[in-house]
Every structure is written in C-alpha cells, then in structure tokens.
C-alpha cells in the first residue's frame, strides 16, 4: 500500500509537470498561428535610420553606420545580401486630387508605387495578373476594400460595413464594373494659383491618363499597406514623374530619389533573423512579425518556467516520498539484507536491488502520470469552461484563452523527457537508502531483526 501511494504521488507530480508545460506550449502555438495567419513572417519592413546624430547620407554620428536615406543604390545593396529574395520600396503619392473612374463610377484615391517584379514575389493576387512591364499605359492593382470605394456621384450614398463583411468571410457587394476588362481613367487635379479668376480663385487644372486594372489583391485586415489606393509599377510612376516634374513638385511630391519605406522578403522564416541582423549592420531600421514572435516566445518561456517550477515542486514532494518508502523498506528488510550478505551477495547487487525498486516506482508512476496528462490535455482542449478557468487562473486571457485544440499541447519530447526525468529523480532519491542498505553489518542486521 505504501508503494502504491508513492506511485500515485509520482504520477501526480509527473502530470503536474507535463500539463503545466503543455499549457505554455499551447499558448505559444496558438499565438504563432495567429501571427502566421495574419501576416507574412518572411517580410521585413525597412526604413532609414532616424536619429538626431550629425551627418547625412550613409554615415551618422559616431562610429556606428547609419543610413539616413534609402536610394536605388541602397536597394541594390540589400538585394545582394544573403537570403534576400525580394526588395521593393512602397511610394505613396499624395499629390493633388486623384480620381480613378470607369463609366459612371469613380473614386478618390492615390497611387502606391512598387517594384513590379519584387511585388509579384511578395504579395498574392486574388484574381488577374501582375504588371506586364508596359509603361505606356497605367496598369494598376487594387484590393476589394479599395474597389468598394467606387460609386456613382449622382446616386445617394449607401454606407457598407466592409470591414465586418471581410472579417466574417462574406462576399462584398462590389460596384457593377467589369474590373479586369473595362477601361479606366486616372485624373490628377490641382489648383494653379498662378492663374486666378476675377474673384481670386485658382484655376483648376486636370491631367488624365488611360488606365487598366490588371489584378485584384487579397484584402488583409491586419496589413493596410495597400488597403486603399491604386498599386502601380514604380517604373510607370518614374515615367509620369519625369514628364511632369514641375507639376508634381508644385503639388508637394518631393521626388523619387529616396524612399521612406522598403519591404524585404527573406527566402525562409528561419533566415529572417539573419537578414534583419545584416540590415542592422548596414545601418537601417527594421521591423518584422518575427519581432513579435520572439517577444511572444520570451513571454511564454517565462510563464513556462514558472509553471515548470510548480510541477517540479510537486515532483520533489513525490521524490521525498520515494526516499521515505525506500528507507522504510530497508528497515523492514534488515534480516533479508543480512542473510544476503552472509551468503556472499555482492554489495553492488544489493545497491542495484534497491535502485531498481526506486526506478520501478518512478517509472510506473511516470507512465501513469503521462497517461493522466493526455487525458487532462484532451479535456482542456475540448471543454470550454476549463479553457476559461485556465485563462482566469493565469490572469492572461490574451495568451491562454486560445480555444480549440491549442490550449494544451503535449509534444512527444515533453512526454518522454518528463518520464526520463521522473525516473532519474526517483533513482537519485533512492541512492541514499541503497547506500544505507550496503553499509548494514551482516551479523548486526540478523541479530537486530530477531
């Protein structure tokens, strides 16, 4: 009975270790799944190094390299870095009043210029194709969120909750435009204060370009880079800017000699940290979803350490029970130990006998604990009130109230590792009783037993 109770204590300690650590595994897996579904973990957002140091260009204050302007030469250097698959600047053109129209429908928008080849490697299209490379006519790509902004100015405006529809996965009631076939016109309007009428009002000047929609970009509620606006080729924007340099500068567009935001795509998730380090060494500032991933991992690791400590305390109590059980076993078997010594049994065999018994207790209790852990884990993953209870107890619903099958995740390594750990601890705590058994005097053992 004493041995059975000790085995039960080991089983409870084992289950505590596995279940508590599995909660951390589940929290990490759930949070990473959310990040992976909402963003591309391979994308790194790069910007110039904004600082108050003296100096301009590629070098700032002190000996640390600081890139304060990202130019085409900078882009070429980034493309030459290891594990970099694509690099594209994102240029937002907010100059004048921009109107994109097709038939009776029109929308106020802006141009978002990207490198066409690299853009195709980073972002997926829902329909259509990428830029053809022809800069003779404006080719643009839009998200459905931006397409919903087209309306007939003569009709009464009806508001549609586009965000909620996309969030719920429902189709959007897009305007009746044959998006990939109809002709579009892109018009830039601005006020020319050098020409005013009798009342002093500036003359409204407009310049129009033929346009064609070539693709529809997937809407991402967690990335609003292209949510609203017409995505165009950077080559096309450079051509238009070159033809209308004075016009663009008059409207406030400073030019294309440098970029404030650049997207870099690494060749794999595992190489993001290497690329980020190279960009930092080059002198640029970066941000990527992997930064959030690492922060989540650190937070979960600290929580797992606390949970593992709780489980280890339970296991320590069970280990002390093993030591107590083995000591009692020695006192009860004093005569048998004396007889074995008199008959010539080796001391190593006596030690192995008691260590094996401690190992059996730990191993059997560990196996039972592993089985109980899987049962508890299954309950945590399928019983909602248990999931809520865990979130309340941990006081971190944002991490532990994951729902589904991610609340508790027991990996094979966790199960087998804990079983080996428990068995090893049991043998360790059985070592002192085994040594006591070895040191018993044969004759004194027989005489005391009588």
Protein backbone atom coordinates (compact mmCIF):
# COMPACT_ATOMS: atom_id res chain seq x y z
CA UNK A 1 0.00 0.00 0.00
CA UNK A 2 2.85 2.32 0.84
CA UNK A 3 4.42 1.69 -2.56
CA UNK A 4 1.10 2.24 -4.35
CA UNK A 5 0.63 5.57 -2.59
CA UNK A 6 4.16 6.57 -3.52
CA UNK A 7 3.49 5.64 -7.15
CA UNK A 8 0.33 7.77 -7.00
CA UNK A 9 2.38 10.73 -5.74
CA UNK A 10 4.86 10.30 -8.60
CA UNK A 11 2.00 10.12 -11.08
CA UNK A 12 0.54 13.37 -9.76
CA UNK A 13 3.93 15.08 -9.91
CA UNK A 14 4.51 13.85 -13.46
CA UNK A 15 1.09 15.02 -14.58
CA UNK A 16 1.66 18.43 -12.99
CA UNK A 17 4.92 18.91 -14.88
CA UNK A 18 3.54 17.82 -18.25
CA UNK A 19 0.21 19.65 -18.04
CA UNK A 20 1.68 22.92 -16.82
CA UNK A 21 4.35 22.98 -19.53
CA UNK A 22 1.80 21.87 -22.15
CA UNK A 23 -0.24 25.00 -21.34
CA UNK A 24 2.76 27.12 -22.30
CA UNK A 25 3.24 25.08 -25.48
CA UNK A 26 -0.41 25.60 -26.37
CA UNK A 27 -0.23 29.33 -25.75
CA UNK A 28 2.89 29.66 -27.92
CA UNK A 29 1.43 27.56 -30.72
CA UNK A 30 -1.85 29.49 -30.70
CA UNK A 31 -0.20 32.91 -30.74
CA UNK A 32 2.20 31.89 -33.52
CA UNK A 33 -0.70 30.53 -35.55
CA UNK A 34 -2.48 33.87 -35.22
CA UNK A 35 0.61 35.76 -36.33
CA UNK A 36 1.23 33.43 -39.26
CA UNK A 37 -2.36 33.71 -40.46
CA UNK A 38 -2.40 37.49 -40.19
CA UNK A 39 0.98 38.32 -41.65
CA UNK A 40 3.85 37.01 -43.74
CA UNK A 41 6.61 36.18 -41.27
CA UNK A 42 9.21 36.43 -44.04
CA UNK A 43 8.56 40.14 -44.69
CA UNK A 44 10.80 42.75 -43.08
CA UNK A 45 9.82 46.42 -43.13
CA UNK A 46 12.89 48.61 -43.59
CA UNK A 47 13.22 52.35 -43.05
CA UNK A 48 16.08 54.84 -42.84
CA UNK A 49 17.80 55.20 -39.52
CA UNK A 50 16.08 58.21 -38.00
CA UNK A 51 18.33 59.73 -35.36
CA UNK A 52 19.47 63.06 -34.05
CA UNK A 53 23.11 62.40 -34.82
CA UNK A 54 25.11 64.69 -37.06
CA UNK A 55 25.91 63.79 -40.59
CA UNK A 56 23.84 62.74 -43.57
CA UNK A 57 23.85 60.07 -46.20
CA UNK A 58 25.33 56.73 -45.25
CA UNK A 59 27.10 57.78 -42.05
CA UNK A 60 25.69 59.30 -38.88
CA UNK A 61 27.23 60.42 -35.63
CA UNK A 62 29.93 58.31 -34.05
CA UNK A 63 31.46 55.15 -35.47
CA UNK A 64 28.19 53.28 -36.00
CA UNK A 65 26.95 53.13 -39.57
CA UNK A 66 23.67 54.99 -40.09
CA UNK A 67 21.79 55.03 -43.39
CA UNK A 68 19.53 58.10 -43.30
CA UNK A 69 18.45 57.95 -46.96
CA UNK A 70 17.42 54.83 -48.86
CA UNK A 71 18.28 55.26 -52.53
CA UNK A 72 18.31 52.94 -55.54
CA UNK A 73 21.93 52.15 -54.70
CA UNK A 74 20.82 51.10 -51.21
CA UNK A 75 18.20 48.81 -52.75
CA UNK A 76 20.86 47.15 -54.89
CA UNK A 77 22.99 46.55 -51.80
CA UNK A 78 20.05 45.00 -49.96
CA UNK A 79 19.26 42.72 -52.92
CA UNK A 80 22.85 41.49 -52.77
CA UNK A 81 22.55 40.36 -49.14
CA UNK A 82 22.35 36.67 -48.30
CA UNK A 83 18.88 35.10 -48.03
CA UNK A 84 17.14 38.13 -49.57
CA UNK A 85 14.58 37.09 -52.17
CA UNK A 86 12.79 40.35 -52.99
CA UNK A 87 13.10 44.06 -52.24
CA UNK A 88 10.56 46.74 -53.11
CA UNK A 89 10.03 50.30 -51.96
CA UNK A 90 6.47 51.46 -51.29
CA UNK A 91 5.90 55.02 -52.51
CA UNK A 92 2.62 56.72 -51.65
CA UNK A 93 1.78 59.59 -54.00
CA UNK A 94 -0.50 62.06 -52.26
CA UNK A 95 -0.32 64.89 -54.76
CA UNK A 96 -3.32 66.92 -55.82
CA UNK A 97 -6.72 65.32 -56.14
CA UNK A 98 -6.56 61.87 -57.72
CA UNK A 99 -9.68 60.46 -59.33
CA UNK A 100 -9.98 56.98 -60.82
CA UNK A 101 -13.10 56.48 -62.90
CA UNK A 102 -14.79 53.87 -65.07
CA UNK A 103 -18.06 54.76 -66.77
CA UNK A 104 -20.35 56.39 -64.22
CA UNK A 105 -18.34 55.10 -61.24
CA UNK A 106 -15.43 56.97 -59.71
CA UNK A 107 -13.35 57.09 -56.55
CA UNK A 108 -10.85 59.42 -54.97
CA UNK A 109 -7.62 57.54 -54.49
CA UNK A 110 -3.85 57.74 -54.57
CA UNK A 111 -1.05 55.91 -56.34
CA UNK A 112 1.09 53.38 -54.46
CA UNK A 113 4.20 52.58 -56.49
CA UNK A 114 6.13 49.32 -56.08
CA UNK A 115 8.87 47.41 -57.84
CA UNK A 116 6.81 45.16 -60.17
CA UNK A 117 8.98 42.02 -60.14
CA UNK A 118 9.58 42.05 -56.39
CA UNK A 119 5.94 42.90 -55.68
CA UNK A 120 4.90 39.73 -57.52
CA UNK A 121 7.18 37.66 -55.28
CA UNK A 122 5.81 39.06 -52.03
CA UNK A 123 2.05 39.57 -52.42
CA UNK A 124 -0.54 37.18 -53.80
CA UNK A 125 -3.32 38.14 -56.14
CA UNK A 126 -6.90 37.02 -55.73
CA UNK A 127 -7.58 37.42 -59.45
CA UNK A 128 -5.95 38.75 -62.61
CA UNK A 129 -2.21 39.03 -63.19
CA UNK A 130 0.74 41.17 -62.22
CA UNK A 131 2.17 44.11 -64.17
CA UNK A 132 3.12 43.40 -67.77
CA UNK A 133 6.04 45.83 -67.80
CA UNK A 134 4.37 48.17 -70.31
CA UNK A 135 4.69 51.76 -69.08
CA UNK A 136 2.78 53.26 -71.99
CA UNK A 137 -0.47 52.95 -70.07
CA UNK A 138 -1.18 52.98 -66.38
CA UNK A 139 -1.66 49.45 -65.06
CA UNK A 140 -2.93 49.18 -61.52
CA UNK A 141 -3.86 46.59 -58.91
CA UNK A 142 -6.43 47.10 -56.14
CA UNK A 143 -7.85 45.37 -53.12
CA UNK A 144 -11.57 44.78 -52.81
CA UNK A 145 -11.61 47.30 -49.98
CA UNK A 146 -10.46 49.99 -52.40
CA UNK A 147 -12.84 48.73 -55.10
CA UNK A 148 -15.74 49.23 -52.70
CA UNK A 149 -15.00 52.97 -52.77
CA UNK A 150 -16.19 53.31 -56.38
CA UNK A 151 -19.62 54.90 -56.57
CA UNK A 152 -21.91 56.87 -58.83
CA UNK A 153 -21.77 60.51 -57.63
CA UNK A 154 -25.32 61.05 -58.93
CA UNK A 155 -26.78 58.36 -56.70
CA UNK A 156 -27.42 58.60 -52.98
CA UNK A 157 -24.55 57.24 -50.90
CA UNK A 158 -25.19 53.99 -49.03
CA UNK A 159 -22.67 53.01 -46.39
CA UNK A 160 -21.50 49.37 -46.28
CA UNK A 161 -19.58 47.89 -43.35
CA UNK A 162 -16.80 46.48 -45.49
CA UNK A 163 -14.61 45.57 -42.53
CA UNK A 164 -17.25 43.39 -40.87
CA UNK A 165 -18.04 41.61 -44.12
CA UNK A 166 -14.38 40.77 -44.71
CA UNK A 167 -13.91 39.77 -41.07
CA UNK A 168 -16.82 37.32 -41.32
CA UNK A 169 -15.65 36.00 -44.68
CA UNK A 170 -18.71 37.28 -46.51
CA UNK A 171 -18.59 38.49 -50.14
CA UNK A 172 -18.54 42.23 -50.76
CA UNK A 173 -21.28 43.91 -52.83
CA UNK A 174 -18.82 45.38 -55.35
CA UNK A 175 -19.99 48.01 -57.85
CA UNK A 176 -21.06 46.58 -61.18
CA UNK A 177 -17.84 47.11 -63.07
CA UNK A 178 -16.10 44.59 -65.28
CA UNK A 179 -12.94 45.20 -63.32
CA UNK A 180 -10.34 43.43 -65.41
CA UNK A 181 -11.80 44.40 -68.81
CA UNK A 182 -13.39 47.85 -68.57
CA UNK A 183 -11.42 50.99 -69.35
CA UNK A 184 -10.40 53.33 -66.56
CA UNK A 185 -9.21 56.90 -66.48
CA UNK A 186 -6.80 58.27 -63.90
CA UNK A 187 -7.15 62.04 -63.43
CA UNK A 188 -4.94 64.34 -61.38
CA UNK A 189 -6.48 67.68 -60.45
CA UNK A 190 -4.72 70.55 -58.78
CA UNK A 191 -5.23 74.24 -58.17
CA UNK A 192 -2.97 76.55 -60.15
CA UNK A 193 -2.58 79.72 -58.10
CA UNK A 194 -0.54 81.33 -60.87
CA UNK A 195 -3.80 81.65 -62.82
CA UNK A 196 -6.76 83.09 -60.91
CA UNK A 197 -10.10 84.48 -61.92
CA UNK A 198 -11.59 87.85 -61.05
CA UNK A 199 -12.53 86.63 -57.58
CA UNK A 200 -9.01 85.37 -56.89
CA UNK A 201 -9.90 81.71 -57.09
CA UNK A 202 -7.18 79.49 -58.58
CA UNK A 203 -7.73 77.75 -61.88
CA UNK A 204 -8.45 74.03 -61.55
CA UNK A 205 -6.17 72.10 -63.90
CA UNK A 206 -6.62 68.41 -64.67
CA UNK A 207 -4.46 65.85 -66.41
CA UNK A 208 -5.82 62.43 -67.34
CA UNK A 209 -4.19 59.09 -68.15
CA UNK A 210 -5.64 55.94 -69.66
CA UNK A 211 -5.60 53.15 -67.10
CA UNK A 212 -6.31 49.44 -66.90
CA UNK A 213 -6.88 47.24 -63.90
CA UNK A 214 -4.78 44.07 -64.22
CA UNK A 215 -5.19 42.36 -60.87
CA UNK A 216 -7.12 42.16 -57.60
CA UNK A 217 -5.05 41.97 -54.43
CA UNK A 218 -6.20 39.92 -51.46
CA UNK A 219 -7.51 42.09 -48.63
CA UNK A 220 -5.67 41.70 -45.34
CA UNK A 221 -7.34 43.27 -42.33
CA UNK A 222 -4.01 43.16 -40.47
CA UNK A 223 -1.97 44.86 -43.20
CA UNK A 224 -3.34 48.14 -44.51
CA UNK A 225 -0.41 48.96 -46.80
CA UNK A 226 -2.46 48.53 -49.96
CA UNK A 227 -5.95 48.60 -48.45
CA UNK A 228 -6.86 51.84 -50.19
CA UNK A 229 -5.18 53.13 -53.30
CA UNK A 230 -4.13 52.03 -56.77
CA UNK A 231 -0.94 49.96 -56.78
CA UNK A 232 1.16 50.87 -59.84
CA UNK A 233 4.57 49.99 -61.16
CA UNK A 234 7.41 52.15 -59.89
CA UNK A 235 8.71 52.29 -63.47
CA UNK A 236 5.42 53.84 -64.59
CA UNK A 237 5.47 56.40 -61.76
CA UNK A 238 9.03 57.37 -62.66
CA UNK A 239 7.98 57.95 -66.25
CA UNK A 240 4.99 60.09 -65.24
CA UNK A 241 7.12 62.00 -62.74
CA UNK A 242 9.79 62.66 -65.34
CA UNK A 243 7.21 64.04 -67.77
CA UNK A 244 5.55 66.21 -65.11
CA UNK A 245 8.38 67.00 -62.68
CA UNK A 246 7.40 70.64 -62.15
CA UNK A 247 3.76 69.67 -61.73
CA UNK A 248 4.48 67.02 -59.10
CA UNK A 249 6.84 69.27 -57.19
CA UNK A 250 4.26 72.05 -57.25
CA UNK A 251 1.73 69.61 -55.76
CA UNK A 252 4.10 68.67 -52.95
CA UNK A 253 5.59 65.41 -54.24
CA UNK A 254 9.29 65.58 -53.40
CA UNK A 255 10.54 63.05 -55.93
CA UNK A 256 11.86 59.50 -56.29
CA UNK A 257 15.48 59.95 -55.31
CA UNK A 258 14.91 58.26 -51.92
CA UNK A 259 12.38 56.02 -50.18
CA UNK A 260 10.92 56.12 -46.68
CA UNK A 261 9.67 52.54 -46.58
CA UNK A 262 11.00 49.36 -48.14
CA UNK A 263 9.78 45.78 -47.88
CA UNK A 264 12.33 42.96 -47.85
CA UNK A 265 11.38 39.29 -48.31
CA UNK A 266 13.72 36.66 -46.89
CA UNK A 267 13.95 33.26 -48.55
CA UNK A 268 12.64 31.46 -45.43
CA UNK A 269 11.24 32.15 -41.99
CA UNK A 270 14.37 30.70 -40.40
CA UNK A 271 16.58 33.27 -42.16
CA UNK A 272 14.61 36.38 -41.13
CA UNK A 273 16.83 36.97 -38.10
CA UNK A 274 19.97 36.70 -40.25
CA UNK A 275 18.62 39.19 -42.80
CA UNK A 276 17.49 41.53 -40.01
CA UNK A 277 20.95 41.42 -38.47
CA UNK A 278 22.59 42.21 -41.83
CA UNK A 279 20.22 45.15 -42.34
CA UNK A 280 21.02 46.49 -38.87
CA UNK A 281 24.75 46.14 -39.58
CA UNK A 282 24.19 48.02 -42.83
CA UNK A 283 22.67 50.89 -40.84
CA UNK A 284 18.92 50.55 -41.37
CA UNK A 285 15.97 50.27 -39.01
CA UNK A 286 13.74 47.22 -39.36
CA UNK A 287 10.55 45.67 -38.13
CA UNK A 288 9.05 42.26 -38.85
CA UNK A 289 6.39 40.00 -37.44
CA UNK A 290 9.22 37.78 -36.21
CA UNK A 291 9.97 40.51 -33.65
CA UNK A 292 6.51 39.91 -32.24
CA UNK A 293 7.03 36.15 -32.49
CA UNK A 294 10.25 36.38 -30.46
CA UNK A 295 8.54 38.60 -27.90
CA UNK A 296 5.72 36.06 -27.55
CA UNK A 297 8.26 33.24 -27.18
CA UNK A 298 10.09 35.11 -24.44
CA UNK A 299 6.86 35.84 -22.61
CA UNK A 300 5.67 32.25 -22.90
CA UNK A 301 9.09 30.92 -21.86
CA UNK A 302 8.98 32.93 -18.64
CA UNK A 303 5.47 31.64 -17.94
CA UNK A 304 6.57 28.09 -18.76
CA UNK A 305 9.46 28.45 -16.32
CA UNK A 306 7.04 29.42 -13.57
CA UNK A 307 4.66 26.59 -14.47
CA UNK A 308 7.53 24.12 -14.64
CA UNK A 309 8.69 25.25 -11.20
CA UNK A 310 5.25 24.44 -9.78
CA UNK A 311 5.39 20.99 -11.35
CA UNK A 312 8.95 20.47 -10.11
CA UNK A 313 7.86 21.22 -6.53
CA UNK A 314 5.17 18.55 -6.85
CA UNK A 315 7.78 16.15 -8.18
CA UNK A 316 10.13 16.99 -5.30
CA UNK A 317 7.43 16.03 -2.81
CA UNK A 318 6.93 12.74 -4.65
CA UNK A 319 10.69 12.13 -4.71
CA UNK A 320 10.88 12.61 -0.94
CA UNK A 321 8.08 10.07 -0.64
CA UNK A 322 10.20 7.63 -2.66
CA UNK A 323 13.15 8.17 -0.33
CA UNK A 324 10.90 7.62 2.69
CA UNK A 325 9.43 4.46 1.15
CA UNK A 326 12.87 3.06 0.41
CA UNK A 327 14.13 3.84 3.93
CA UNK A 328 11.13 2.06 5.42
CA UNK A 329 11.78 -0.82 3.07
CA UNK A 330 15.32 -1.15 4.38
CA UNK A 331 14.19 -1.22 7.99
CA UNK A 332 11.59 -3.87 7.18
CA UNK A 333 14.10 -5.99 5.24
CA UNK A 334 17.03 -5.72 7.60
CA UNK A 335 17.09 -9.51 8.17
CA UNK A 336 16.93 -10.27 4.44
CA UNK A 337 19.80 -7.87 3.77
CA UNK A 338 21.89 -9.53 6.49
CA UNK A 339 21.17 -13.02 5.11
CA UNK A 340 22.14 -11.92 1.57
CA UNK A 341 25.43 -10.53 2.84
CA UNK A 342 26.19 -13.70 4.82
CA UNK A 343 25.50 -15.82 1.75
CA UNK A 344 28.04 -13.73 -0.18
CA UNK A 345 25.85 -11.37 -2.17
CA UNK A 346 27.87 -8.51 -3.67
CA UNK A 347 27.33 -5.01 -2.29
CA UNK A 348 26.78 -3.71 -5.83
CA UNK A 349 23.93 -6.18 -6.27
CA UNK A 350 22.29 -5.05 -3.04
CA UNK A 351 22.60 -1.43 -4.18
CA UNK A 352 21.22 -2.30 -7.62
CA UNK A 353 18.28 -4.12 -5.99
CA UNK A 354 17.09 -1.03 -4.13
CA UNK A 355 17.90 1.36 -7.00
CA UNK A 356 15.87 -0.83 -9.33
CA UNK A 357 12.95 -0.74 -6.92
CA UNK A 358 13.14 3.08 -6.79
CA UNK A 359 13.34 3.15 -10.59
CA UNK A 360 10.28 0.88 -10.88
CA UNK A 361 8.30 3.15 -8.59
CA UNK A 362 9.33 6.23 -10.59
CA UNK A 363 8.84 4.58 -13.98
CA UNK A 364 5.42 3.13 -13.22
CA UNK A 365 4.28 6.37 -11.59
CA UNK A 366 5.68 8.32 -14.54
CA UNK A 367 3.81 6.19 -17.08
CA UNK A 368 0.57 6.63 -15.16
CA UNK A 369 1.26 10.39 -14.95
CA UNK A 370 1.82 10.60 -18.72
CA UNK A 371 -1.47 8.86 -19.36
CA UNK A 372 -3.28 11.18 -16.95
CA UNK A 373 -1.62 14.15 -18.63
CA UNK A 374 -3.02 13.21 -22.04
CA UNK A 375 -6.49 12.82 -20.54
CA UNK A 376 -6.30 16.22 -18.84
CA UNK A 377 -4.90 17.79 -22.01
CA UNK A 378 -7.79 16.38 -24.05
CA UNK A 379 -10.25 17.84 -21.55
CA UNK A 380 -8.54 21.25 -21.65
CA UNK A 381 -8.73 21.29 -25.43
CA UNK A 382 -12.40 20.36 -25.67
CA UNK A 383 -14.13 21.73 -22.57
CA UNK A 384 -14.79 25.47 -22.85
CA UNK A 385 -15.26 26.19 -19.16
CA UNK A 386 -11.89 24.58 -18.42
CA UNK A 387 -10.27 26.81 -21.03
CA UNK A 388 -11.84 29.86 -19.43
CA UNK A 389 -10.75 28.67 -15.99
CA UNK A 390 -7.14 28.36 -17.13
CA UNK A 391 -7.24 31.87 -18.59
CA UNK A 392 -8.67 33.27 -15.34
CA UNK A 393 -6.22 31.43 -13.11
CA UNK A 394 -3.24 32.54 -15.18
CA UNK A 395 -4.68 36.09 -15.38
CA UNK A 396 -3.68 36.25 -19.04
CA UNK A 397 -6.69 35.56 -21.20
CA UNK A 398 -4.92 37.08 -24.20
CA UNK A 399 -2.41 34.22 -24.14
CA UNK A 400 -4.16 31.27 -22.52
CA UNK A 401 -7.75 31.71 -23.67
CA UNK A 402 -6.90 30.26 -27.05
CA UNK A 403 -9.87 27.97 -27.61
CA UNK A 404 -9.85 24.96 -29.89
CA UNK A 405 -7.14 22.33 -29.58
CA UNK A 406 -4.31 24.72 -28.76
CA UNK A 407 -4.97 25.22 -25.05
CA UNK A 408 -2.75 22.28 -24.10
CA UNK A 409 -0.13 20.80 -26.44
CA UNK A 410 1.87 17.76 -25.28
CA UNK A 411 4.75 17.02 -27.60
CA UNK A 412 6.41 13.58 -27.70
CA UNK A 413 9.60 15.19 -26.44
CA UNK A 414 7.78 16.63 -23.44
CA UNK A 415 6.17 13.29 -22.55
CA UNK A 416 9.27 11.12 -22.95
CA UNK A 417 11.58 13.75 -21.47
CA UNK A 418 9.42 14.10 -18.35
CA UNK A 419 9.21 10.31 -17.98
CA UNK A 420 13.00 10.02 -18.17
CA UNK A 421 13.41 12.93 -15.74
CA UNK A 422 10.98 11.43 -13.22
CA UNK A 423 12.63 8.02 -13.40
CA UNK A 424 16.07 9.57 -12.99
CA UNK A 425 14.95 11.64 -9.99
CA UNK A 426 13.42 8.53 -8.42
CA UNK A 427 16.66 6.59 -8.79
CA UNK A 428 18.62 9.58 -7.42
CA UNK A 429 16.44 9.80 -4.30
CA UNK A 430 16.73 6.03 -3.88
CA UNK A 431 20.50 6.24 -3.90
CA UNK A 432 20.94 7.13 -0.20
CA UNK A 433 18.66 4.30 1.05
CA UNK A 434 20.58 1.90 -1.23
CA UNK A 435 23.90 3.02 0.25
CA UNK A 436 22.46 2.56 3.76
CA UNK A 437 21.50 -0.99 2.82
CA UNK A 438 25.04 -1.66 1.59
CA UNK A 439 26.59 -0.45 4.84
CA UNK A 440 24.48 -2.63 7.14
CA UNK A 441 26.54 -5.12 9.18
CA UNK A 442 25.54 -8.69 8.33
CA UNK A 443 25.56 -10.10 11.86
CA UNK A 444 24.07 -6.92 13.39
CA UNK A 445 21.34 -6.97 10.76
CA UNK A 446 20.39 -10.59 11.59
CA UNK A 447 20.63 -10.03 15.35
CA UNK A 448 18.54 -6.79 15.23
CA UNK A 449 15.95 -8.44 13.01
CA UNK A 450 15.47 -11.18 15.62
